[in-house]
Amino acid sequence: NRIKKNQLPKEISKNLMKSNNPKLIPRNHRVEDALNDAENNNFNKFNKLIELIKTPYSIDIKKNKYYCSPPDVNFTKNCKTFCGT
């Protein structure tokens, strides 16, 4: 639908969307996990996450778990995150 609304040739429109929409958006549960470990002086996950978000447009998401939803999603449980969601 977006390609039709752009009123541009399909290939140009696809390239435009790919260049403006990151493949990776850090998920709250991954950021929280990395921060919790960092508070205990384990910076492995934090450093990996920082490395990945340096190039959010060119990440191979098939090889990367940082774009995934949490494995045990419980939408009825109240959960506070740093962004207030």
PDB file of N, CA and C in Angstrom:
ATOM      1  N   ASN A   1       0.824  -1.205   0.000  1.00  0.00           N
ATOM      2  CA  ASN A   1       0.000   0.000   0.000  1.00  0.00           C
ATOM      3  C   ASN A   1       0.863   1.263   0.000  1.00  0.00           C
ATOM      4  N   ARG A   2       1.958   1.221   0.798  1.00  0.00           N
ATOM      5  CA  ARG A   2       2.834   2.385   0.874  1.00  0.00           C
ATOM      6  C   ARG A   2       3.471   2.663  -0.472  1.00  0.00           C
ATOM      7  N   ILE A   3       3.857   1.627  -1.183  1.00  0.00           N
ATOM      8  CA  ILE A   3       4.487   1.795  -2.495  1.00  0.00           C
ATOM      9  C   ILE A   3       3.526   2.489  -3.450  1.00  0.00           C
ATOM     10  N   LYS A   4       2.262   2.102  -3.420  1.00  0.00           N
ATOM     11  CA  LYS A   4       1.258   2.735  -4.279  1.00  0.00           C
ATOM     12  C   LYS A   4       1.063   4.200  -3.910  1.00  0.00           C
ATOM     13  N   LYS A   5       1.047   4.496  -2.607  1.00  0.00           N
ATOM     14  CA  LYS A   5       0.842   5.875  -2.151  1.00  0.00           C
ATOM     15  C   LYS A   5       2.019   6.780  -2.515  1.00  0.00           C
ATOM     16  N   ASN A   6       3.219   6.219  -2.562  1.00  0.00           N
ATOM     17  CA  ASN A   6       4.397   7.023  -2.892  1.00  0.00           C
ATOM     18  C   ASN A   6       4.360   7.550  -4.323  1.00  0.00           C
ATOM     19  N   GLN A   7       3.627   6.892  -5.178  1.00  0.00           N
ATOM     20  CA  GLN A   7       3.525   7.255  -6.586  1.00  0.00           C
ATOM     21  C   GLN A   7       4.898   7.354  -7.246  1.00  0.00           C
ATOM     22  N   LEU A   8       5.748   6.425  -6.861  1.00  0.00           N
ATOM     23  CA  LEU A   8       7.072   6.303  -7.465  1.00  0.00           C
ATOM     24  C   LEU A   8       7.180   4.905  -8.058  1.00  0.00           C
ATOM     25  N   PRO A   9       8.110   4.702  -8.961  1.00  0.00           N
ATOM     26  CA  PRO A   9       8.321   3.336  -9.439  1.00  0.00           C
ATOM     27  C   PRO A   9       8.593   2.404  -8.257  1.00  0.00           C
ATOM     28  N   LYS A  10       8.116   1.187  -8.367  1.00  0.00           N
ATOM     29  CA  LYS A  10       8.176   0.217  -7.270  1.00  0.00           C
ATOM     30  C   LYS A  10       9.593   0.064  -6.704  1.00  0.00           C
ATOM     31  N   GLU A  11      10.583  -0.068  -7.552  1.00  0.00           N
ATOM     32  CA  GLU A  11      11.959  -0.294  -7.087  1.00  0.00           C
ATOM     33  C   GLU A  11      12.506   0.911  -6.327  1.00  0.00           C
ATOM     34  N   ILE A  12      12.213   2.100  -6.802  1.00  0.00           N
ATOM     35  CA  ILE A  12      12.660   3.323  -6.116  1.00  0.00           C
ATOM     36  C   ILE A  12      11.981   3.419  -4.750  1.00  0.00           C
ATOM     37  N   SER A  13      10.702   3.128  -4.717  1.00  0.00           N
ATOM     38  CA  SER A  13       9.951   3.185  -3.471  1.00  0.00           C
ATOM     39  C   SER A  13      10.477   2.162  -2.460  1.00  0.00           C
ATOM     40  N   LYS A  14      10.766   0.949  -2.908  1.00  0.00           N
ATOM     41  CA  LYS A  14      11.320  -0.078  -2.019  1.00  0.00           C
ATOM     42  C   LYS A  14      12.666   0.365  -1.455  1.00  0.00           C
ATOM     43  N   ASN A  15      13.530   0.880  -2.304  1.00  0.00           N
ATOM     44  CA  ASN A  15      14.846   1.340  -1.852  1.00  0.00           C
ATOM     45  C   ASN A  15      14.727   2.496  -0.866  1.00  0.00           C
ATOM     46  N   LEU A  16      13.768   3.374  -1.103  1.00  0.00           N
ATOM     47  CA  LEU A  16      13.529   4.499  -0.209  1.00  0.00           C
ATOM     48  C   LEU A  16      13.114   3.997   1.179  1.00  0.00           C
ATOM     49  N   MET A  17      12.197   3.035   1.211  1.00  0.00           N
ATOM     50  CA  MET A  17      11.753   2.485   2.491  1.00  0.00           C
ATOM     51  C   MET A  17      12.897   1.756   3.205  1.00  0.00           C
ATOM     52  N   LYS A  18      13.678   0.987   2.458  1.00  0.00           N
ATOM     53  CA  LYS A  18      14.786   0.245   3.073  1.00  0.00           C
ATOM     54  C   LYS A  18      15.845   1.183   3.647  1.00  0.00           C
ATOM     55  N   SER A  19      16.051   2.309   3.004  1.00  0.00           N
ATOM     56  CA  SER A  19      17.084   3.228   3.477  1.00  0.00           C
ATOM     57  C   SER A  19      16.619   4.080   4.660  1.00  0.00           C
ATOM     58  N   ASN A  20      15.301   4.112   4.911  1.00  0.00           N
ATOM     59  CA  ASN A  20      14.769   4.936   5.994  1.00  0.00           C
ATOM     60  C   ASN A  20      14.158   4.163   7.145  1.00  0.00           C
ATOM     61  N   ASN A  21      14.068   2.862   7.025  1.00  0.00           N
ATOM     62  CA  ASN A  21      13.494   2.019   8.071  1.00  0.00           C
ATOM     63  C   ASN A  21      14.554   1.039   8.557  1.00  0.00           C
ATOM     64  N   PRO A  22      14.993   1.180   9.785  1.00  0.00           N
ATOM     65  CA  PRO A  22      16.041   0.291  10.282  1.00  0.00           C
ATOM     66  C   PRO A  22      15.560  -1.152  10.365  1.00  0.00           C
ATOM     67  N   LYS A  23      16.484  -2.085  10.155  1.00  0.00           N
ATOM     68  CA  LYS A  23      16.171  -3.507  10.315  1.00  0.00           C
ATOM     69  C   LYS A  23      16.145  -3.876  11.785  1.00  0.00           C
ATOM     70  N   LEU A  24      16.882  -3.146  12.580  1.00  0.00           N
ATOM     71  CA  LEU A  24      16.954  -3.453  14.000  1.00  0.00           C
ATOM     72  C   LEU A  24      16.473  -2.271  14.829  1.00  0.00           C
ATOM     73  N   ILE A  25      15.531  -2.556  15.692  1.00  0.00           N
ATOM     74  CA  ILE A  25      15.085  -1.602  16.702  1.00  0.00           C
ATOM     75  C   ILE A  25      15.257  -2.328  18.028  1.00  0.00           C
ATOM     76  N   PRO A  26      16.068  -1.804  18.927  1.00  0.00           N
ATOM     77  CA  PRO A  26      16.308  -2.520  20.188  1.00  0.00           C
ATOM     78  C   PRO A  26      15.006  -2.794  20.941  1.00  0.00           C
ATOM     79  N   ARG A  27      14.778  -4.032  21.269  1.00  0.00           N
ATOM     80  CA  ARG A  27      13.577  -4.429  22.002  1.00  0.00           C
ATOM     81  C   ARG A  27      13.798  -4.182  23.494  1.00  0.00           C
ATOM     82  N   ASN A  28      12.746  -3.736  24.172  1.00  0.00           N
ATOM     83  CA  ASN A  28      12.862  -3.391  25.591  1.00  0.00           C
ATOM     84  C   ASN A  28      13.476  -4.502  26.428  1.00  0.00           C
ATOM     85  N   HIS A  29      13.026  -5.721  26.208  1.00  0.00           N
ATOM     86  CA  HIS A  29      13.521  -6.818  27.043  1.00  0.00           C
ATOM     87  C   HIS A  29      15.008  -7.077  26.822  1.00  0.00           C
ATOM     88  N   ARG A  30      15.505  -6.814  25.607  1.00  0.00           N
ATOM     89  CA  ARG A  30      16.943  -6.986  25.336  1.00  0.00           C
ATOM     90  C   ARG A  30      17.758  -5.860  25.999  1.00  0.00           C
ATOM     91  N   VAL A  31      17.238  -4.642  25.928  1.00  0.00           N
ATOM     92  CA  VAL A  31      17.921  -3.509  26.559  1.00  0.00           C
ATOM     93  C   VAL A  31      17.952  -3.706  28.072  1.00  0.00           C
ATOM     94  N   GLU A  32      16.816  -4.087  28.641  1.00  0.00           N
ATOM     95  CA  GLU A  32      16.743  -4.326  30.093  1.00  0.00           C
ATOM     96  C   GLU A  32      17.724  -5.414  30.517  1.00  0.00           C
ATOM     97  N   ASP A  33      17.777  -6.484  29.752  1.00  0.00           N
ATOM     98  CA  ASP A  33      18.678  -7.594  30.059  1.00  0.00           C
ATOM     99  C   ASP A  33      20.134  -7.129  30.034  1.00  0.00           C
ATOM    100  N   ALA A  34      20.482  -6.361  29.014  1.00  0.00           N
ATOM    101  CA  ALA A  34      21.853  -5.855  28.899  1.00  0.00           C
ATOM    102  C   ALA A  34      22.184  -4.904  30.048  1.00  0.00           C
ATOM    103  N   LEU A  35      21.242  -4.039  30.417  1.00  0.00           N
ATOM    104  CA  LEU A  35      21.475  -3.099  31.515  1.00  0.00           C
ATOM    105  C   LEU A  35      21.586  -3.810  32.864  1.00  0.00           C
ATOM    106  N   ASN A  36      20.753  -4.814  33.070  1.00  0.00           N
ATOM    107  CA  ASN A  36      20.834  -5.585  34.320  1.00  0.00           C
ATOM    108  C   ASN A  36      22.187  -6.260  34.461  1.00  0.00           C
ATOM    109  N   ASP A  37      22.665  -6.862  33.373  1.00  0.00           N
ATOM    110  CA  ASP A  37      23.990  -7.490  33.418  1.00  0.00           C
ATOM    111  C   ASP A  37      25.085  -6.443  33.652  1.00  0.00           C
ATOM    112  N   ALA A  38      24.959  -5.284  33.007  1.00  0.00           N
ATOM    113  CA  ALA A  38      25.965  -4.227  33.150  1.00  0.00           C
ATOM    114  C   ALA A  38      26.034  -3.727  34.592  1.00  0.00           C
ATOM    115  N   GLU A  39      24.886  -3.690  35.260  1.00  0.00           N
ATOM    116  CA  GLU A  39      24.886  -3.280  36.671  1.00  0.00           C
ATOM    117  C   GLU A  39      25.680  -4.249  37.542  1.00  0.00           C
ATOM    118  N   ASN A  40      25.843  -5.469  37.054  1.00  0.00           N
ATOM    119  CA  ASN A  40      26.637  -6.476  37.760  1.00  0.00           C
ATOM    120  C   ASN A  40      28.013  -6.654  37.124  1.00  0.00           C
ATOM    121  N   ASN A  41      28.482  -5.606  36.445  1.00  0.00           N
ATOM    122  CA  ASN A  41      29.808  -5.566  35.816  1.00  0.00           C
ATOM    123  C   ASN A  41      30.019  -6.598  34.720  1.00  0.00           C
ATOM    124  N   ASN A  42      28.951  -7.053  34.092  1.00  0.00           N
ATOM    125  CA  ASN A  42      29.064  -7.929  32.931  1.00  0.00           C
ATOM    126  C   ASN A  42      28.559  -7.127  31.736  1.00  0.00           C
ATOM    127  N   PHE A  43      29.468  -6.649  30.938  1.00  0.00           N
ATOM    128  CA  PHE A  43      29.125  -5.746  29.839  1.00  0.00           C
ATOM    129  C   PHE A  43      29.040  -6.436  28.483  1.00  0.00           C
ATOM    130  N   ASN A  44      29.065  -7.768  28.455  1.00  0.00           N
ATOM    131  CA  ASN A  44      29.037  -8.491  27.179  1.00  0.00           C
ATOM    132  C   ASN A  44      27.795  -8.172  26.352  1.00  0.00           C
ATOM    133  N   LYS A  45      26.614  -8.317  26.934  1.00  0.00           N
ATOM    134  CA  LYS A  45      25.368  -8.054  26.200  1.00  0.00           C
ATOM    135  C   LYS A  45      25.240  -6.576  25.843  1.00  0.00           C
ATOM    136  N   PHE A  46      25.639  -5.712  26.758  1.00  0.00           N
ATOM    137  CA  PHE A  46      25.576  -4.278  26.524  1.00  0.00           C
ATOM    138  C   PHE A  46      26.465  -3.900  25.334  1.00  0.00           C
ATOM    139  N   ASN A  47      27.696  -4.385  25.340  1.00  0.00           N
ATOM    140  CA  ASN A  47      28.623  -4.071  24.252  1.00  0.00           C
ATOM    141  C   ASN A  47      28.132  -4.636  22.922  1.00  0.00           C
ATOM    142  N   LYS A  48      27.557  -5.843  22.945  1.00  0.00           N
ATOM    143  CA  LYS A  48      27.019  -6.445  21.722  1.00  0.00           C
ATOM    144  C   LYS A  48      25.866  -5.593  21.183  1.00  0.00           C
ATOM    145  N   LEU A  49      24.984  -5.167  22.070  1.00  0.00           N
ATOM    146  CA  LEU A  49      23.855  -4.341  21.662  1.00  0.00           C
ATOM    147  C   LEU A  49      24.325  -3.008  21.081  1.00  0.00           C
ATOM    148  N   ILE A  50      25.296  -2.394  21.715  1.00  0.00           N
ATOM    149  CA  ILE A  50      25.856  -1.127  21.209  1.00  0.00           C
ATOM    150  C   ILE A  50      26.458  -1.332  19.821  1.00  0.00           C
ATOM    151  N   GLU A  51      27.168  -2.417  19.630  1.00  0.00           N
ATOM    152  CA  GLU A  51      27.769  -2.717  18.330  1.00  0.00           C
ATOM    153  C   GLU A  51      26.688  -2.862  17.262  1.00  0.00           C
ATOM    154  N   LEU A  52      25.611  -3.557  17.610  1.00  0.00           N
ATOM    155  CA  LEU A  52      24.539  -3.794  16.645  1.00  0.00           C
ATOM    156  C   LEU A  52      23.791  -2.523  16.269  1.00  0.00           C
ATOM    157  N   ILE A  53      23.539  -1.659  17.236  1.00  0.00           N
ATOM    158  CA  ILE A  53      22.747  -0.460  16.912  1.00  0.00           C
ATOM    159  C   ILE A  53      23.562   0.611  16.184  1.00  0.00           C
ATOM    160  N   LYS A  54      24.841   0.378  16.029  1.00  0.00           N
ATOM    161  CA  LYS A  54      25.652   1.297  15.225  1.00  0.00           C
ATOM    162  C   LYS A  54      25.290   1.211  13.747  1.00  0.00           C
ATOM    163  N   THR A  55      24.795   0.049  13.313  1.00  0.00           N
ATOM    164  CA  THR A  55      24.440  -0.147  11.906  1.00  0.00           C
ATOM    165  C   THR A  55      23.046  -0.784  11.799  1.00  0.00           C
ATOM    166  N   PRO A  56      22.007  -0.090  12.257  1.00  0.00           N
ATOM    167  CA  PRO A  56      20.672  -0.701  12.293  1.00  0.00           C
ATOM    168  C   PRO A  56      20.048  -0.952  10.923  1.00  0.00           C
ATOM    169  N   TYR A  57      20.611  -0.359   9.869  1.00  0.00           N
ATOM    170  CA  TYR A  57      20.044  -0.527   8.536  1.00  0.00           C
ATOM    171  C   TYR A  57      20.646  -1.699   7.770  1.00  0.00           C
ATOM    172  N   SER A  58      21.738  -2.253   8.278  1.00  0.00           N
ATOM    173  CA  SER A  58      22.426  -3.297   7.512  1.00  0.00           C
ATOM    174  C   SER A  58      22.608  -4.602   8.282  1.00  0.00           C
ATOM    175  N   ILE A  59      21.854  -4.785   9.335  1.00  0.00           N
ATOM    176  CA  ILE A  59      21.973  -5.990  10.154  1.00  0.00           C
ATOM    177  C   ILE A  59      21.292  -7.168   9.476  1.00  0.00           C
ATOM    178  N   ASP A  60      21.908  -8.345   9.600  1.00  0.00           N
ATOM    179  CA  ASP A  60      21.293  -9.569   9.106  1.00  0.00           C
ATOM    180  C   ASP A  60      20.404 -10.115  10.220  1.00  0.00           C
ATOM    181  N   ILE A  61      19.116  -9.811  10.153  1.00  0.00           N
ATOM    182  CA  ILE A  61      18.225 -10.184  11.257  1.00  0.00           C
ATOM    183  C   ILE A  61      18.013 -11.686  11.364  1.00  0.00           C
ATOM    184  N   LYS A  62      18.298 -12.427  10.323  1.00  0.00           N
ATOM    185  CA  LYS A  62      18.161 -13.879  10.397  1.00  0.00           C
ATOM    186  C   LYS A  62      19.202 -14.477  11.337  1.00  0.00           C
ATOM    187  N   LYS A  63      20.308 -13.789  11.505  1.00  0.00           N
ATOM    188  CA  LYS A  63      21.384 -14.276  12.370  1.00  0.00           C
ATOM    189  C   LYS A  63      21.398 -13.575  13.719  1.00  0.00           C
ATOM    190  N   ASN A  64      20.383 -12.777  13.983  1.00  0.00           N
ATOM    191  CA  ASN A  64      20.430 -11.938  15.162  1.00  0.00           C
ATOM    192  C   ASN A  64      19.183 -12.079  16.016  1.00  0.00           C
ATOM    193  N   LYS A  65      19.366 -12.341  17.297  1.00  0.00           N
ATOM    194  CA  LYS A  65      18.238 -12.523  18.210  1.00  0.00           C
ATOM    195  C   LYS A  65      17.725 -11.212  18.793  1.00  0.00           C
ATOM    196  N   TYR A  66      18.401 -10.111  18.557  1.00  0.00           N
ATOM    197  CA  TYR A  66      18.036  -8.853  19.205  1.00  0.00           C
ATOM    198  C   TYR A  66      16.794  -8.196  18.638  1.00  0.00           C
ATOM    199  N   TYR A  67      16.275  -8.701  17.533  1.00  0.00           N
ATOM    200  CA  TYR A  67      15.058  -8.119  16.992  1.00  0.00           C
ATOM    201  C   TYR A  67      13.820  -8.885  17.444  1.00  0.00           C
ATOM    202  N   CYS A  68      13.978 -10.027  18.081  1.00  0.00           N
ATOM    203  CA  CYS A  68      12.871 -10.913  18.436  1.00  0.00           C
ATOM    204  C   CYS A  68      12.058 -10.409  19.627  1.00  0.00           C
ATOM    205  N   SER A  69      10.816 -10.834  19.653  1.00  0.00           N
ATOM    206  CA  SER A  69       9.964 -10.577  20.806  1.00  0.00           C
ATOM    207  C   SER A  69      10.411 -11.450  21.966  1.00  0.00           C
ATOM    208  N   PRO A  70      10.065 -11.070  23.189  1.00  0.00           N
ATOM    209  CA  PRO A  70      10.450 -11.899  24.328  1.00  0.00           C
ATOM    210  C   PRO A  70       9.818 -13.283  24.232  1.00  0.00           C
ATOM    211  N   PRO A  71      10.511 -14.313  24.680  1.00  0.00           N
ATOM    212  CA  PRO A  71       9.984 -15.675  24.565  1.00  0.00           C
ATOM    213  C   PRO A  71       8.746 -15.918  25.421  1.00  0.00           C
ATOM    214  N   ASP A  72       8.668 -15.316  26.591  1.00  0.00           N
ATOM    215  CA  ASP A  72       7.546 -15.539  27.504  1.00  0.00           C
ATOM    216  C   ASP A  72       6.777 -14.243  27.698  1.00  0.00           C
ATOM    217  N   VAL A  73       6.016 -13.861  26.707  1.00  0.00           N
ATOM    218  CA  VAL A  73       5.263 -12.615  26.786  1.00  0.00           C
ATOM    219  C   VAL A  73       4.014 -12.835  27.630  1.00  0.00           C
ATOM    220  N   ASN A  74       3.866 -12.009  28.657  1.00  0.00           N
ATOM    221  CA  ASN A  74       2.686 -12.056  29.503  1.00  0.00           C
ATOM    222  C   ASN A  74       2.108 -10.644  29.516  1.00  0.00           C
ATOM    223  N   PHE A  75       1.145 -10.389  28.641  1.00  0.00           N
ATOM    224  CA  PHE A  75       0.621  -9.043  28.491  1.00  0.00           C
ATOM    225  C   PHE A  75      -0.298  -8.635  29.632  1.00  0.00           C
ATOM    226  N   THR A  76      -0.664  -9.577  30.501  1.00  0.00           N
ATOM    227  CA  THR A  76      -1.512  -9.227  31.630  1.00  0.00           C
ATOM    228  C   THR A  76      -0.686  -8.769  32.827  1.00  0.00           C
ATOM    229  N   LYS A  77       0.603  -9.050  32.808  1.00  0.00           N
ATOM    230  CA  LYS A  77       1.497  -8.667  33.904  1.00  0.00           C
ATOM    231  C   LYS A  77       1.963  -7.227  33.695  1.00  0.00           C
ATOM    232  N   ASN A  78       1.912  -6.420  34.737  1.00  0.00           N
ATOM    233  CA  ASN A  78       2.419  -5.065  34.641  1.00  0.00           C
ATOM    234  C   ASN A  78       3.945  -5.118  34.618  1.00  0.00           C
ATOM    235  N   CYS A  79       4.515  -4.379  33.711  1.00  0.00           N
ATOM    236  CA  CYS A  79       5.961  -4.399  33.569  1.00  0.00           C
ATOM    237  C   CYS A  79       6.429  -2.973  33.314  1.00  0.00           C
ATOM    238  N   LYS A  80       7.334  -2.490  34.146  1.00  0.00           N
ATOM    239  CA  LYS A  80       7.894  -1.156  33.945  1.00  0.00           C
ATOM    240  C   LYS A  80       9.209  -1.286  33.189  1.00  0.00           C
ATOM    241  N   THR A  81       9.365  -0.458  32.203  1.00  0.00           N
ATOM    242  CA  THR A  81      10.634  -0.396  31.473  1.00  0.00           C
ATOM    243  C   THR A  81      11.109   1.045  31.502  1.00  0.00           C
ATOM    244  N   PHE A  82      12.292   1.293  30.998  1.00  0.00           N
ATOM    245  CA  PHE A  82      12.871   2.622  31.052  1.00  0.00           C
ATOM    246  C   PHE A  82      12.123   3.616  30.175  1.00  0.00           C
ATOM    247  N   CYS A  83      11.416   3.137  29.150  1.00  0.00           N
ATOM    248  CA  CYS A  83      10.701   4.077  28.297  1.00  0.00           C
ATOM    249  C   CYS A  83       9.272   4.302  28.779  1.00  0.00           C
ATOM    250  N   GLY A  84       8.887   3.666  29.876  1.00  0.00           N
ATOM    251  CA  GLY A  84       7.579   3.908  30.462  1.00  0.00           C
ATOM    252  C   GLY A  84       6.459   3.067  29.915  1.00  0.00           C
ATOM    253  N   THR A  85       6.775   2.063  29.093  1.00  0.00           N
ATOM    254  CA  THR A  85       5.708   1.209  28.531  1.00  0.00           C
ATOM    255  C   THR A  85       5.349   0.100  29.486  1.00  0.00           C
TER     256      THR A  85
END
